[in-house]
N, C-alpha and C. Protein backbone atom coordinates (compact mmCIF):
# COMPACT_ATOMS: atom_id res chain seq x y z
N MET A 1 80.54 125.44 101.07
CA MET A 1 82.40 125.05 100.72
C MET A 1 82.43 126.74 101.24
N ALA A 2 83.47 125.76 102.93
CA ALA A 2 84.13 127.38 103.77
C ALA A 2 85.03 127.44 102.59
N THR A 3 85.69 128.90 102.94
CA THR A 3 86.94 129.27 101.73
C THR A 3 88.01 129.46 103.25
N GLU A 4 89.46 129.74 101.87
CA GLU A 4 90.73 130.08 103.15
C GLU A 4 90.51 131.53 103.36
N PRO A 5 90.42 131.99 104.52
CA PRO A 5 91.03 133.28 104.92
C PRO A 5 91.97 134.08 104.72
N SER A 6 91.41 135.41 104.08
CA SER A 6 92.78 135.69 103.05
C SER A 6 94.36 135.79 104.74
N ALA A 7 94.96 136.67 103.55
CA ALA A 7 96.24 136.81 104.37
C ALA A 7 96.85 137.77 105.56
N THR A 8 95.23 138.91 105.27
CA THR A 8 94.95 139.94 106.63
C THR A 8 94.71 139.28 106.98
N GLU A 9 92.86 138.74 107.01
CA GLU A 9 93.21 137.63 107.95
C GLU A 9 93.51 137.17 109.27
N ARG A 10 94.03 136.07 108.24
CA ARG A 10 95.15 135.46 109.46
C ARG A 10 96.13 136.39 110.17
N ALA A 11 97.16 137.59 109.54
CA ALA A 11 97.22 137.52 110.60
C ALA A 11 96.78 138.26 111.56
N THR A 12 95.72 139.00 110.87
CA THR A 12 95.26 140.48 112.21
C THR A 12 94.66 139.73 112.96
N PRO A 13 94.18 139.09 113.47
CA PRO A 13 93.52 138.74 115.20
C PRO A 13 92.24 139.29 115.52
N ARG A 14 90.98 139.09 115.18
CA ARG A 14 89.28 140.53 115.52
C ARG A 14 89.06 140.35 116.64
N ASP A 15 89.06 141.64 117.07
CA ASP A 15 88.61 142.42 118.16
C ASP A 15 87.50 141.06 118.77
N THR A 16 88.13 141.82 120.22
CA THR A 16 87.33 140.35 121.18
C THR A 16 86.37 141.34 122.44
N GLY A 17 87.03 142.63 121.49
CA GLY A 17 86.17 143.59 122.68
C GLY A 17 87.27 143.64 124.58
N PRO A 18 87.14 144.48 124.86
CA PRO A 18 87.49 144.92 126.12
C PRO A 18 87.76 143.74 127.63
N SER A 19 87.38 142.49 126.67
CA SER A 19 87.59 142.24 128.13
C SER A 19 87.22 140.49 127.39
N GLY A 20 87.78 140.50 126.06
CA GLY A 20 88.50 139.45 125.68
C GLY A 20 86.44 138.38 125.54
N ASN A 21 85.76 138.40 125.32
CA ASN A 21 84.62 137.43 125.73
C ASN A 21 83.94 137.27 124.30
N GLY A 22 84.83 137.72 122.90
CA GLY A 22 84.09 137.62 121.65
C GLY A 22 82.84 138.48 121.27
N LEU A 23 82.77 140.02 122.06
CA LEU A 23 81.31 140.48 122.04
C LEU A 23 81.79 141.86 120.53
N GLY A 24 83.30 141.81 120.64
CA GLY A 24 83.56 142.92 119.56
C GLY A 24 83.23 143.24 118.46
N ASP A 25 82.80 143.87 117.29
CA ASP A 25 81.94 144.07 116.66
C ASP A 25 82.92 143.33 115.20
N PRO A 26 83.38 142.59 115.01
CA PRO A 26 84.12 142.63 113.99
C PRO A 26 83.96 142.97 111.82
N VAL A 27 83.43 143.77 112.23
CA VAL A 27 83.25 145.17 110.85
C VAL A 27 84.42 146.45 111.16
N LEU A 28 84.39 146.40 112.93
CA LEU A 28 85.10 148.09 113.42
C LEU A 28 86.50 147.27 113.27
N SER A 29 86.53 145.99 113.84
CA SER A 29 88.04 145.71 113.72
C SER A 29 88.07 145.79 112.33
N ASP A 30 87.72 145.19 111.22
CA ASP A 30 88.37 144.76 109.85
C ASP A 30 88.26 146.44 108.91
N ILE A 31 87.65 147.81 109.69
CA ILE A 31 87.78 149.09 109.27
C ILE A 31 89.46 149.31 110.29
N GLY A 32 89.43 149.16 110.97
CA GLY A 32 90.58 149.68 111.44
C GLY A 32 91.95 149.01 111.06
N THR A 33 91.92 148.31 110.36
CA THR A 33 92.74 147.19 110.03
C THR A 33 92.88 148.14 108.68
N ALA A 34 92.17 148.46 107.77
CA ALA A 34 92.32 149.31 106.55
C ALA A 34 93.00 150.08 106.78
N LEU A 35 92.20 150.89 108.09
CA LEU A 35 93.31 152.00 107.73
C LEU A 35 94.15 151.86 108.65
N PHE A 36 94.73 151.53 109.48
CA PHE A 36 95.72 150.65 109.41
C PHE A 36 97.28 150.57 108.47
N HIS A 37 96.09 149.92 107.72
CA HIS A 37 97.24 149.18 106.22
C HIS A 37 97.19 150.95 105.32
N LEU A 38 96.11 151.04 105.30
CA LEU A 38 95.80 152.74 104.84
C LEU A 38 97.96 153.65 104.73
N ARG A 39 97.84 154.12 106.25
CA ARG A 39 98.64 154.23 106.65
C ARG A 39 99.79 154.62 106.50
N ARG A 40 100.09 152.77 106.96
CA ARG A 40 101.36 151.91 106.04
C ARG A 40 102.05 152.53 104.92
N VAL A 41 100.77 152.13 103.73
CA VAL A 41 101.14 152.16 102.66
C VAL A 41 100.76 154.25 101.92
N TRP A 42 100.75 154.51 102.84
CA TRP A 42 101.38 156.15 102.30
C TRP A 42 101.94 157.31 103.09
N ALA A 43 102.12 156.46 104.23
CA ALA A 43 103.21 157.52 105.58
C ALA A 43 104.38 156.49 105.42
N GLY A 44 104.43 156.00 104.77
CA GLY A 44 105.60 155.19 104.56
C GLY A 44 107.13 155.99 104.51
N PRO A 45 108.58 155.73 104.90
CA PRO A 45 109.15 155.98 105.27
C PRO A 45 110.03 156.17 103.43
N ASP A 46 109.55 154.54 102.79
CA ASP A 46 109.89 154.54 101.56
C ASP A 46 109.60 155.72 100.82
N LEU A 47 107.84 155.57 101.08
CA LEU A 47 106.90 156.59 100.01
C LEU A 47 107.72 158.30 100.06
N MET A 48 108.28 158.83 101.61
CA MET A 48 108.17 159.55 101.22
C MET A 48 110.26 160.07 101.20
N LYS A 49 111.17 159.22 101.61
CA LYS A 49 111.90 158.78 101.03
C LYS A 49 111.59 160.03 98.69
N HIS A 50 110.23 158.80 98.18
CA HIS A 50 110.52 159.33 96.92
C HIS A 50 110.09 160.64 96.48
N ILE A 51 108.83 160.20 97.51
CA ILE A 51 108.63 161.72 96.97
C ILE A 51 109.59 162.80 96.73
N ARG A 52 110.27 163.33 97.74
CA ARG A 52 111.14 163.71 98.31
C ARG A 52 112.83 164.84 96.67
N ALA A 53 112.53 162.80 96.51
CA ALA A 53 113.65 162.72 95.68
C ALA A 53 112.69 163.41 94.04
N GLN A 54 111.85 162.78 94.15
CA GLN A 54 110.79 163.59 92.13
C GLN A 54 109.76 165.52 92.91
N THR A 55 110.69 166.15 94.52
CA THR A 55 109.74 166.89 93.67
C THR A 55 110.77 168.40 94.27
N SER A 56 112.27 167.83 93.88
CA SER A 56 113.65 168.17 94.34
C SER A 56 114.10 169.29 93.68
N GLY A 57 113.60 169.72 92.03
CA GLY A 57 113.16 170.53 91.88
C GLY A 57 112.12 171.34 91.98
N GLY A 58 111.97 172.32 93.05
CA GLY A 58 110.30 173.65 93.11
C GLY A 58 110.81 174.93 92.43
N PRO A 59 110.12 175.79 91.65
CA PRO A 59 109.75 176.99 91.01
C PRO A 59 111.47 178.02 90.97
N ASP A 60 112.19 177.69 92.63
CA ASP A 60 113.71 178.05 92.78
C ASP A 60 114.46 177.29 93.34
N GLY A 61 114.68 176.16 92.51
CA GLY A 61 115.19 175.60 92.75
C GLY A 61 115.23 175.40 94.25
N ARG A 62 114.71 174.88 95.15
CA ARG A 62 114.51 174.68 96.46
C ARG A 62 113.90 173.19 96.43
N PRO A 63 113.80 172.30 97.27
CA PRO A 63 112.77 171.52 96.81
C PRO A 63 112.07 171.23 97.27
N LEU A 64 111.04 171.33 96.97
CA LEU A 64 109.10 170.17 97.48
C LEU A 64 108.40 170.16 98.75
N GLN A 65 108.27 170.47 99.19
CA GLN A 65 107.82 168.69 100.44
C GLN A 65 105.92 168.99 100.24
N ILE A 66 105.22 168.44 101.30
CA ILE A 66 104.30 167.63 101.04
C ILE A 66 103.56 169.09 101.64
N SER A 67 103.60 169.72 102.48
CA SER A 67 103.47 170.43 103.86
C SER A 67 103.18 171.92 102.68
N ASN A 68 103.71 172.37 101.57
CA ASN A 68 103.83 172.25 100.05
C ASN A 68 102.38 172.82 98.98
N LEU A 69 102.21 171.53 98.79
CA LEU A 69 101.09 171.04 98.29
C LEU A 69 100.22 171.55 99.32
N MET A 70 100.29 171.01 100.71
CA MET A 70 99.15 171.09 101.26
C MET A 70 98.93 172.14 101.46
N VAL A 71 99.84 173.32 101.74
CA VAL A 71 99.34 174.70 102.01
C VAL A 71 98.12 175.36 100.47
N VAL A 72 99.26 174.94 99.03
CA VAL A 72 98.38 174.98 97.55
C VAL A 72 97.23 175.22 98.41
N ASN A 73 97.61 173.88 98.36
CA ASN A 73 95.22 173.41 98.22
C ASN A 73 94.70 174.21 99.45
N ALA A 74 95.08 173.90 100.27
CA ALA A 74 94.41 175.01 101.42
C ALA A 74 94.14 176.55 101.07
N VAL A 75 95.17 177.02 100.48
CA VAL A 75 94.66 178.15 99.75
C VAL A 75 94.01 178.21 97.84
N SER A 76 93.83 177.35 97.41
CA SER A 76 93.02 177.07 96.37
C SER A 76 91.55 177.29 96.47
N ALA A 77 90.99 176.11 97.58
CA ALA A 77 90.02 175.89 98.11
C ALA A 77 89.92 177.05 98.65
N LEU A 78 90.49 177.55 99.88
CA LEU A 78 89.53 179.61 100.30
C LEU A 78 89.62 180.05 98.72
N THR A 79 89.86 180.99 97.99
CA THR A 79 89.66 180.78 96.93
C THR A 79 88.04 180.68 96.39
N ALA A 80 88.55 179.52 96.51
CA ALA A 80 87.82 178.95 95.36
C ALA A 80 85.57 179.43 96.65
N MET A 81 85.97 178.74 97.41
CA MET A 81 85.07 179.22 98.23
C MET A 81 84.95 180.25 98.57
N GLY A 82 85.72 181.04 98.45
CA GLY A 82 85.36 182.91 99.12
C GLY A 82 84.34 183.22 97.22
N ASP A 83 85.09 182.52 95.92
CA ASP A 83 84.57 183.11 94.69
C ASP A 83 82.98 182.93 94.85
N ASP A 84 82.95 181.67 95.26
CA ASP A 84 81.51 181.67 95.22
C ASP A 84 80.21 182.51 95.94
N ALA A 85 81.40 182.69 97.25
CA ALA A 85 80.85 183.52 98.18
C ALA A 85 80.22 184.69 98.51
N ASN A 86 81.11 185.10 97.56
CA ASN A 86 80.76 187.21 96.88
C ASN A 86 81.17 186.36 95.93
N GLY A 87 79.83 186.11 94.50
CA GLY A 87 79.46 185.88 93.47
C GLY A 87 80.40 186.63 92.37
N GLY A 88 82.35 186.32 93.17
CA GLY A 88 83.28 186.26 92.12
C GLY A 88 83.59 187.17 92.12
N ALA A 89 83.31 188.31 93.50
CA ALA A 89 84.12 189.15 93.80
C ALA A 89 85.41 188.37 94.42
N ALA A 90 86.10 189.50 94.84
CA ALA A 90 87.49 189.30 95.45
C ALA A 90 87.19 188.87 96.92
N PHE A 91 88.00 187.92 97.51
CA PHE A 91 87.89 187.79 98.31
C PHE A 91 89.67 187.61 99.42
N GLU A 92 90.15 188.28 100.13
CA GLU A 92 90.71 187.81 101.05
C GLU A 92 90.92 186.27 101.56
N VAL A 93 92.65 185.04 101.13
CA VAL A 93 92.65 184.27 101.84
C VAL A 93 93.39 184.85 103.32
N THR A 94 93.50 184.18 104.23
CA THR A 94 94.07 184.64 105.50
C THR A 94 95.15 184.29 105.83
N VAL A 95 96.63 184.22 106.47
CA VAL A 95 97.49 182.90 106.88
C VAL A 95 95.87 181.99 108.86
N GLY A 96 95.51 182.66 108.83
CA GLY A 96 93.92 182.13 110.02
C GLY A 96 93.55 181.61 108.99
N ALA A 97 93.00 181.84 107.71
CA ALA A 97 92.01 181.51 107.42
C ALA A 97 92.68 180.12 106.74
N VAL A 98 93.81 180.12 106.71
CA VAL A 98 94.48 178.87 105.93
C VAL A 98 94.44 177.34 107.53
N ALA A 99 95.25 178.47 108.76
CA ALA A 99 95.62 177.52 109.97
C ALA A 99 93.87 176.81 110.28
N GLU A 100 92.54 177.13 109.79
CA GLU A 100 92.01 176.66 109.95
C GLU A 100 91.56 175.79 108.59
N ARG A 101 91.96 176.22 107.75
CA ARG A 101 91.67 174.46 107.32
C ARG A 101 92.59 173.33 107.73
N LEU A 102 93.50 174.03 106.94
CA LEU A 102 94.64 172.79 107.69
C LEU A 102 94.41 172.42 109.04
N GLU A 103 93.64 173.10 110.38
CA GLU A 103 93.67 172.18 112.06
C GLU A 103 94.39 172.52 111.66
N VAL A 104 96.08 173.29 112.09
CA VAL A 104 96.87 173.74 112.49
C VAL A 104 96.72 174.96 113.71
N ASP A 105 97.64 175.60 114.36
CA ASP A 105 97.71 176.36 115.33
C ASP A 105 98.63 177.73 113.94
N PRO A 106 98.39 178.63 114.33
CA PRO A 106 98.20 179.40 113.87
C PRO A 106 100.47 180.28 113.43
N SER A 107 100.91 179.75 114.91
CA SER A 107 102.56 179.21 114.50
C SER A 107 102.99 178.41 113.15
N THR A 108 102.10 177.74 113.46
CA THR A 108 102.57 176.83 112.63
C THR A 108 102.03 176.62 110.72
N ALA A 109 100.54 177.48 110.86
CA ALA A 109 100.18 177.88 109.48
C ALA A 109 101.49 179.26 108.67
N SER A 110 101.30 179.96 109.46
CA SER A 110 101.96 180.44 109.29
C SER A 110 103.64 180.42 108.82
N ARG A 111 104.27 179.06 109.18
CA ARG A 111 105.23 178.42 108.44
C ARG A 111 105.76 178.32 107.82
N LEU A 112 104.81 177.63 107.53
CA LEU A 112 104.15 176.55 106.52
C LEU A 112 103.59 177.49 105.54
N VAL A 113 103.19 178.37 105.45
CA VAL A 113 103.33 179.48 104.38
C VAL A 113 103.61 180.39 103.70
N GLY A 114 104.58 180.16 105.17
CA GLY A 114 106.57 181.04 104.29
C GLY A 114 106.90 179.98 103.97
N HIS A 115 107.46 179.00 104.18
CA HIS A 115 108.14 177.85 103.31
C HIS A 115 107.52 177.95 101.60
N ALA A 116 105.53 178.19 101.25
CA ALA A 116 105.38 177.58 100.52
C ALA A 116 105.14 178.89 99.67
N ILE A 117 106.00 180.15 100.21
CA ILE A 117 105.59 181.75 99.30
C ILE A 117 107.50 181.11 99.14
N ASP A 118 108.68 180.69 99.94
CA ASP A 118 110.16 180.59 99.88
C ASP A 118 109.77 179.78 98.25
N ALA A 119 109.66 178.55 98.51
CA ALA A 119 108.67 177.84 97.62
C ALA A 119 108.44 178.52 95.71
N GLY A 120 107.76 179.85 95.80
CA GLY A 120 107.41 180.32 94.85
C GLY A 120 106.51 179.91 94.39
N LEU A 121 105.94 178.99 95.75
CA LEU A 121 103.40 178.47 95.32
C LEU A 121 103.01 179.41 95.43
N VAL A 122 103.37 180.60 96.36
CA VAL A 122 102.70 181.69 97.19
C VAL A 122 102.37 182.33 97.07
N SER A 123 101.53 183.37 97.00
CA SER A 123 102.09 185.36 96.60
C SER A 123 101.72 185.87 97.97
N ARG A 124 101.44 186.93 99.07
CA ARG A 124 101.52 187.04 99.62
C ARG A 124 101.21 188.94 99.05
N ARG A 125 100.04 189.62 99.52
CA ARG A 125 99.74 191.12 99.46
C ARG A 125 99.57 192.06 100.45
N PRO A 126 99.43 192.24 100.46
CA PRO A 126 99.20 193.52 102.20
C PRO A 126 97.49 194.39 101.94
N SER A 127 97.08 193.06 102.57
CA SER A 127 95.17 193.47 102.77
C SER A 127 94.88 194.74 102.75
N PRO A 128 94.42 194.61 101.60
CA PRO A 128 93.13 196.34 101.53
C PRO A 128 92.87 197.03 102.58
N VAL A 129 91.94 196.00 103.41
CA VAL A 129 91.28 195.76 104.53
C VAL A 129 91.58 196.38 106.03
N ASP A 130 92.30 195.02 106.12
CA ASP A 130 93.51 195.39 107.53
C ASP A 130 95.13 195.49 107.03
N ALA A 131 95.94 195.81 107.15
CA ALA A 131 97.19 195.73 106.97
C ALA A 131 98.40 195.03 107.77
N ARG A 132 97.78 194.90 109.23
CA ARG A 132 98.57 194.40 109.33
C ARG A 132 98.29 192.07 109.12
N ARG A 133 97.67 191.98 108.09
CA ARG A 133 97.58 190.86 107.30
C ARG A 133 97.18 190.85 106.12
N ALA A 134 97.99 189.63 105.40
CA ALA A 134 98.56 189.25 104.46
C ALA A 134 97.72 188.44 103.70
N ASN A 135 96.66 188.64 102.38
CA ASN A 135 96.09 187.71 101.68
C ASN A 135 97.11 187.10 100.34
N LEU A 136 96.44 186.08 100.34
CA LEU A 136 97.85 185.33 99.97
C LEU A 136 97.27 184.91 98.53
N GLY A 137 97.35 184.40 97.63
CA GLY A 137 97.65 183.20 96.64
C GLY A 137 98.46 183.00 95.84
N LEU A 138 97.87 181.82 94.96
CA LEU A 138 98.73 181.17 94.25
C LEU A 138 98.89 181.21 92.73
N THR A 139 100.75 181.36 92.94
CA THR A 139 101.29 182.12 91.98
C THR A 139 101.41 181.00 90.77
N GLU A 140 101.62 181.33 89.29
CA GLU A 140 101.28 180.34 87.86
C GLU A 140 102.33 179.32 88.92
N ALA A 141 103.60 179.09 88.95
CA ALA A 141 103.64 178.21 89.55
C ALA A 141 103.14 176.87 90.50
N GLY A 142 102.35 178.03 91.24
CA GLY A 142 101.41 176.89 92.31
C GLY A 142 99.84 176.37 92.15
N ARG A 143 100.13 177.55 90.24
CA ARG A 143 98.34 176.80 90.14
C ARG A 143 99.40 175.58 89.01
N ARG A 144 100.81 175.43 88.44
CA ARG A 144 100.86 174.19 87.63
C ARG A 144 100.84 173.02 88.54
N VAL A 145 101.45 173.79 89.97
CA VAL A 145 101.85 172.12 90.66
C VAL A 145 100.04 171.94 91.30
N LYS A 146 99.25 172.66 91.30
CA LYS A 146 97.17 172.48 91.89
C LYS A 146 97.10 171.59 90.47
N ARG A 147 97.59 171.90 89.52
CA ARG A 147 96.76 171.14 88.52
C ARG A 147 97.05 169.48 88.30
N VAL A 148 98.11 169.52 88.36
CA VAL A 148 99.43 168.25 88.27
C VAL A 148 99.01 167.71 89.73
N ALA A 149 98.93 168.24 90.86
CA ALA A 149 98.64 167.29 92.35
C ALA A 149 97.11 166.79 91.95
N ASP A 150 95.85 167.15 90.86
CA ASP A 150 94.74 167.03 90.89
C ASP A 150 94.93 165.70 89.91
N ARG A 151 95.79 165.71 88.99
CA ARG A 151 95.46 165.12 87.74
C ARG A 151 96.67 163.79 88.57
N PHE A 152 97.50 164.18 88.91
CA PHE A 152 97.70 162.41 89.59
C PHE A 152 97.72 161.67 90.76
N ARG A 153 96.98 162.92 91.34
CA ARG A 153 95.59 161.69 91.91
C ARG A 153 94.31 161.60 91.04
N ARG A 154 93.31 161.64 90.56
CA ARG A 154 92.43 161.36 90.14
C ARG A 154 92.63 159.93 88.98
N ALA A 155 94.04 160.28 88.21
CA ALA A 155 94.76 158.93 87.79
C ALA A 155 94.83 157.58 88.62
N TYR A 156 95.64 158.45 90.09
CA TYR A 156 95.83 156.81 91.17
C TYR A 156 93.88 156.76 91.92
N LEU A 157 93.52 157.40 92.15
CA LEU A 157 92.37 156.76 92.15
C LEU A 157 91.25 156.12 90.71
N ASP A 158 91.35 156.30 90.23
CA ASP A 158 91.09 155.03 89.23
C ASP A 158 91.70 154.68 88.69
N GLU A 159 92.66 154.11 89.61
CA GLU A 159 93.84 152.88 88.91
C GLU A 159 92.76 152.47 90.00
N LEU A 160 93.38 153.06 91.22
CA LEU A 160 92.55 151.97 92.60
C LEU A 160 90.88 151.53 92.43
N MET A 161 90.54 152.39 91.74
CA MET A 161 88.77 151.56 91.85
C MET A 161 88.93 151.17 90.37
N ALA A 162 89.55 150.43 89.56
CA ALA A 162 89.59 149.85 87.69
C ALA A 162 88.30 149.88 88.24
N GLY A 163 87.52 148.74 87.07
CA GLY A 163 86.66 147.81 87.12
C GLY A 163 85.11 148.14 88.43
N TRP A 164 85.86 148.89 89.39
CA TRP A 164 84.07 148.93 90.19
C TRP A 164 82.58 150.26 89.06
N PRO A 165 81.90 149.38 89.65
CA PRO A 165 80.08 150.11 88.82
C PRO A 165 80.30 152.11 89.65
N ASP A 166 80.22 152.13 88.97
CA ASP A 166 79.78 153.91 88.75
C ASP A 166 78.75 153.63 90.76
N GLU A 167 77.80 153.16 91.11
CA GLU A 167 77.47 152.93 91.51
C GLU A 167 77.37 152.51 92.96
N GLU A 168 79.09 151.62 93.45
CA GLU A 168 80.24 151.75 93.78
C GLU A 168 80.60 152.34 94.11
N ARG A 169 80.65 153.40 93.09
CA ARG A 169 81.94 154.49 93.44
C ARG A 169 81.11 156.29 94.29
N ALA A 170 80.06 156.10 93.80
CA ALA A 170 79.40 156.79 93.73
C ALA A 170 78.73 156.24 95.81
N THR A 171 78.29 155.90 95.83
CA THR A 171 77.97 154.95 97.06
C THR A 171 79.47 155.06 97.93
N PHE A 172 80.84 154.07 97.28
CA PHE A 172 82.13 154.37 98.13
C PHE A 172 82.66 155.75 98.54
N ALA A 173 81.88 156.90 97.90
CA ALA A 173 82.35 158.21 98.41
C ALA A 173 81.26 159.01 98.77
N ARG A 174 80.15 158.92 98.85
CA ARG A 174 79.13 159.35 99.96
C ARG A 174 79.40 158.57 101.29
N LEU A 175 80.03 157.27 101.23
CA LEU A 175 79.91 157.13 103.01
C LEU A 175 81.63 157.31 103.70
N LEU A 176 83.31 157.20 102.16
CA LEU A 176 83.41 158.01 102.74
C LEU A 176 84.34 159.36 103.83
N THR A 177 83.09 160.08 102.54
CA THR A 177 83.07 161.10 102.93
C THR A 177 82.16 161.99 104.33
N ARG A 178 81.49 160.91 104.38
CA ARG A 178 80.39 161.01 106.15
C ARG A 178 81.30 159.98 106.59
N PHE A 179 81.77 159.42 106.55
CA PHE A 179 83.13 158.83 108.10
C PHE A 179 83.98 160.38 108.09
N ALA A 180 84.66 160.70 107.11
CA ALA A 180 85.66 161.53 107.28
C ALA A 180 85.38 163.17 108.03
N ASP A 181 84.04 163.76 108.11
CA ASP A 181 83.43 164.43 108.27
C ASP A 181 83.25 164.50 109.66
N ALA A 182 82.93 163.40 110.51
CA ALA A 182 82.77 162.32 111.58
C ALA A 182 84.62 162.44 112.35
N ALA A 183 84.74 161.64 111.63
CA ALA A 183 86.86 162.42 112.41
C ALA A 183 86.65 162.95 112.64
N VAL A 184 86.25 164.07 112.50
CA VAL A 184 87.13 165.96 111.75
C VAL A 184 85.82 166.55 112.97
N ARG A 185 84.37 165.81 112.72
CA ARG A 185 83.92 166.14 114.24
C ARG A 185 84.49 165.93 115.71
N VAL A 186 84.90 164.67 115.52
CA VAL A 186 84.99 163.54 117.15
C VAL A 186 86.87 162.70 116.44
N PRO A 187 87.97 164.22 117.04
CA PRO A 187 89.10 163.10 116.82
C PRO A 187 89.21 162.54 117.94
N MET A 188 90.49 161.86 116.90
CA MET A 188 90.92 160.72 117.94
C MET A 188 91.71 161.98 119.14
N ASP A 189 91.20 160.99 120.47
CA ASP A 189 91.88 161.04 121.52
C ASP A 189 93.42 160.78 121.41
N PRO A 190 94.37 161.92 121.26
CA PRO A 190 96.30 162.11 121.47
C PRO A 190 96.34 161.04 123.17
N ASP A 191 95.87 161.33 123.69
CA ASP A 191 96.35 160.96 124.73
C ASP A 191 96.05 159.08 124.90
N GLY A 192 95.26 158.41 123.75
CA GLY A 192 94.66 156.94 124.60
C GLY A 192 95.69 156.07 123.16
N ILE A 193 96.79 156.30 122.38
CA ILE A 193 97.86 155.45 123.04
C ILE A 193 98.16 155.24 124.25
N GLY A 194 98.89 155.65 125.52
CA GLY A 194 99.45 155.65 126.57
C GLY A 194 97.75 155.02 127.04
N ARG A 195 96.45 155.67 126.96
CA ARG A 195 95.54 154.47 128.12
C ARG A 195 95.30 152.47 127.23
N ILE A 196 95.91 152.68 125.75
CA ILE A 196 95.28 151.76 125.69
C ILE A 196 96.68 150.97 127.12
N PHE A 197 98.07 150.83 127.41
CA PHE A 197 98.75 150.69 127.67
C PHE A 197 98.56 149.87 129.25
N GLU A 198 97.96 151.26 129.30
CA GLU A 198 97.61 151.43 130.85
C GLU A 198 96.76 150.55 131.56
N GLU A 199 95.86 150.58 130.29
CA GLU A 199 94.55 149.66 130.83
C GLU A 199 94.79 147.81 130.54
N ALA A 200 96.20 148.14 129.42
CA ALA A 200 96.51 146.34 129.01
C ALA A 200 97.32 146.33 130.75
N GLY A 201 97.82 147.21 131.70
CA GLY A 201 99.38 146.77 132.23
C GLY A 201 97.95 146.59 133.43
N ALA A 202 97.05 147.21 133.49
CA ALA A 202 95.89 147.17 134.62
C ALA A 202 95.65 145.55 134.38
N GLU A 203 95.38 145.01 133.82
CA GLU A 203 93.71 143.16 133.30
C GLU A 203 95.37 142.68 133.67
């Protein structure tokens, strides 16, 4: 017995390929639709406004920004990576390393790091190796923010995946990690949107 299509399926036409000949991969269409929905849910203006309202009291009284959390996570991850690589020995986390971790240019990373320092989440000490560099670390406030953010994220994901068997969770984690790694290696062409309209106008 045929089942009625979901609201998403009714509202979203299947990809029929560049020539509209029905040869598009419906699985890829479903993936694209799911990613679009995630972006709308997690990057919507209402959510961003709510987050800013909830984080209006930083350690120094300044509003916290999502970029602060990005820097906190980057500094924490780089510190952990350095500790592992050096057997627990001291490891320097530079602005350049943060830029690579966040995949932004050095000037943007410097600005974001500066904001996190102003918010009292990140400390900056002179490098004993190169006086021109800064050695970054988390303050106690930064470590608290990291702990709370990790706890919140785990609880949220656990809620989303309630009822999923352990095997499905593990498979999803493996495939999503593989997908994310591929997206990092081959980022979306920023000129793609323009070409969409150019090709559509030429048809």
